[in-house]
Protein backbone atom coordinates (compact mmCIF):
# COMPACT_ATOMS: atom_id res chain seq x y z
CA UNK A 1 2.81 -17.89 -8.21
CA UNK A 2 5.59 -18.72 -5.78
CA UNK A 3 6.44 -22.29 -4.88
CA UNK A 4 4.05 -23.23 -2.07
CA UNK A 5 5.07 -26.89 -1.75
CA UNK A 6 4.41 -28.23 1.71
CA UNK A 7 2.25 -25.37 2.96
CA UNK A 8 -1.16 -26.36 1.62
CA UNK A 9 -3.41 -26.53 4.65
CA UNK A 10 -0.59 -25.42 6.97
CA UNK A 11 -2.85 -22.88 8.65
CA UNK A 12 -2.14 -19.68 10.52
CA UNK A 13 1.63 -20.12 10.81
CA UNK A 14 2.29 -19.52 7.12
CA UNK A 15 0.01 -16.52 6.54
CA UNK A 16 1.62 -13.18 5.79
CA UNK A 17 0.68 -10.05 7.74
CA UNK A 18 -1.49 -8.79 4.86
CA UNK A 19 -3.20 -12.17 4.51
CA UNK A 20 -4.03 -11.91 8.23
CA UNK A 21 -5.57 -8.50 7.50
CA UNK A 22 -7.74 -10.02 4.76
CA UNK A 23 -8.75 -13.33 6.36
CA UNK A 24 -11.27 -12.00 8.89
CA UNK A 25 -13.25 -9.82 6.46
CA UNK A 26 -13.41 -12.74 4.02
CA UNK A 27 -14.60 -15.05 6.80
CA UNK A 28 -17.22 -12.43 7.75
CA UNK A 29 -18.60 -12.61 4.20
CA UNK A 30 -17.49 -9.16 3.05
CA UNK A 31 -17.09 -8.67 -0.69
CA UNK A 32 -13.70 -8.32 -2.32
CA UNK A 33 -14.65 -4.80 -3.36
CA UNK A 34 -15.52 -3.75 0.20
CA UNK A 35 -12.35 -5.34 1.63
CA UNK A 36 -10.29 -3.54 -1.00
CA UNK A 37 -11.85 -0.18 -0.12
CA UNK A 38 -11.38 -0.74 3.62
CA UNK A 39 -7.71 -1.74 3.25
CA UNK A 40 -6.87 0.73 0.50
CA UNK A 41 -5.73 -1.93 -1.96
CA UNK A 42 -7.04 -3.07 -5.34
CA UNK A 43 -9.79 -5.63 -5.69
CA UNK A 44 -7.43 -7.82 -7.72
CA UNK A 45 -4.95 -7.79 -4.81
CA UNK A 46 -7.72 -8.92 -2.45
CA UNK A 47 -8.58 -11.72 -4.88
CA UNK A 48 -4.94 -12.86 -4.90
CA UNK A 49 -4.70 -12.78 -1.10
CA UNK A 50 -7.98 -14.64 -0.84
CA UNK A 51 -6.77 -17.41 -3.16
CA UNK A 52 -3.54 -17.82 -1.18
CA UNK A 53 -5.45 -17.81 2.12
CA UNK A 54 -7.76 -20.57 0.91
CA UNK A 55 -4.76 -22.64 -0.20
CA UNK A 56 -2.76 -22.08 2.97
CA UNK A 57 -5.73 -22.72 5.25
CA UNK A 58 -6.74 -25.84 3.29
CA UNK A 59 -10.26 -24.67 2.42
CA UNK A 60 -12.16 -24.27 -0.84
CA UNK A 61 -14.61 -21.50 -0.09
CA UNK A 62 -15.48 -18.69 2.31
CA UNK A 63 -17.92 -20.82 4.29
CA UNK A 64 -15.20 -23.37 5.05
CA UNK A 65 -12.83 -20.52 5.89
CA UNK A 66 -15.34 -19.00 8.32
CA UNK A 67 -15.74 -22.36 10.02
CA UNK A 68 -11.97 -22.78 10.28
CA UNK A 69 -11.50 -19.28 11.70
CA UNK A 70 -14.26 -19.89 14.27
CA UNK A 71 -13.11 -23.34 15.36
CA UNK A 72 -9.37 -22.63 15.23
CA UNK A 73 -8.88 -18.93 16.00
CA UNK A 74 -5.66 -17.12 15.25
CA UNK A 75 -3.02 -18.02 17.83
CA UNK A 76 -1.30 -15.32 19.85
CA UNK A 77 1.81 -13.86 18.22
CA UNK A 78 4.00 -15.50 20.88
CA UNK A 79 2.48 -18.88 20.06
CA UNK A 80 3.29 -18.44 16.37
CA UNK A 81 6.94 -17.67 17.10
CA UNK A 82 7.37 -20.72 19.35
CA UNK A 83 4.97 -23.54 18.41
CA UNK A 84 6.59 -25.90 20.93
CA UNK A 85 5.68 -23.81 23.99
CA UNK A 86 4.10 -25.70 26.83
């Protein structure tokens, strides 16, 4: 696994585009197998994305992830590019 020092619990800003594709179905409670079929990727790839999402979002399970996604929704793309906007 790549060096992820300093990004544990960093949230939305450090997620890749594919991780953003996977995060909502995971938070909705969909199975890895179903997510894999919907996205056209392997189940093992979904499992890897899911593990990285949990780490980057600072959660330990899908219930915590769902709560985080609901309470802190994904910021607009413009907000991600410029976190200091007023």
